[in-house]
Amino acid sequence: QVQLVESGGGSVQAGGSLRLSCVASGRTSSNYVMAWFRQAPGKEREIAATISWSGVNTDYTDSVRGRFFISRDNGKNTVYLAMNSLKPEDTAVYYCAASPSYGNAAVMYVTESQYVYWGQGTQVTVWS
């Protein structure tokens, strides 16, 4: 079992920045693909960014590409999401997710069903 705890959410004016953190605990000896999903009010949950276990590969949904940056520190069992140039449409609950990489240092997963472990979420509100 892996437990994920997000932090760093809050309320920010449009154009501002936030950095989310997700700390993993439990069976962190395994190598995990990590991702940030988000769910806006009245909408389905969508992936925002994903990162391979090695950190070499990253991918983003088009709406955040160039503004959001995912990174990880495996020594601290932590994944980050730096969010810049925030827009009101970025308002959502942001969830951290993890899934085993099965020894593949480069693999990424992009669908919700591929992720096994989930955090409780952190609210991000962007006002104009």
Foldseek 3Di string as FASTA:
>chain_A
DKAKAKDWADEEAAQAKIKMKIAIDDPLVFQKKKFKWWDDPPGDIFTAKIAFSLRPDMDGDPVQPPFWDWGDDSVRRMIMIIGGSHDQVVWTWMKMFIDGPVPDRGDIDGDPVRTDYIYPTDTHGYHD
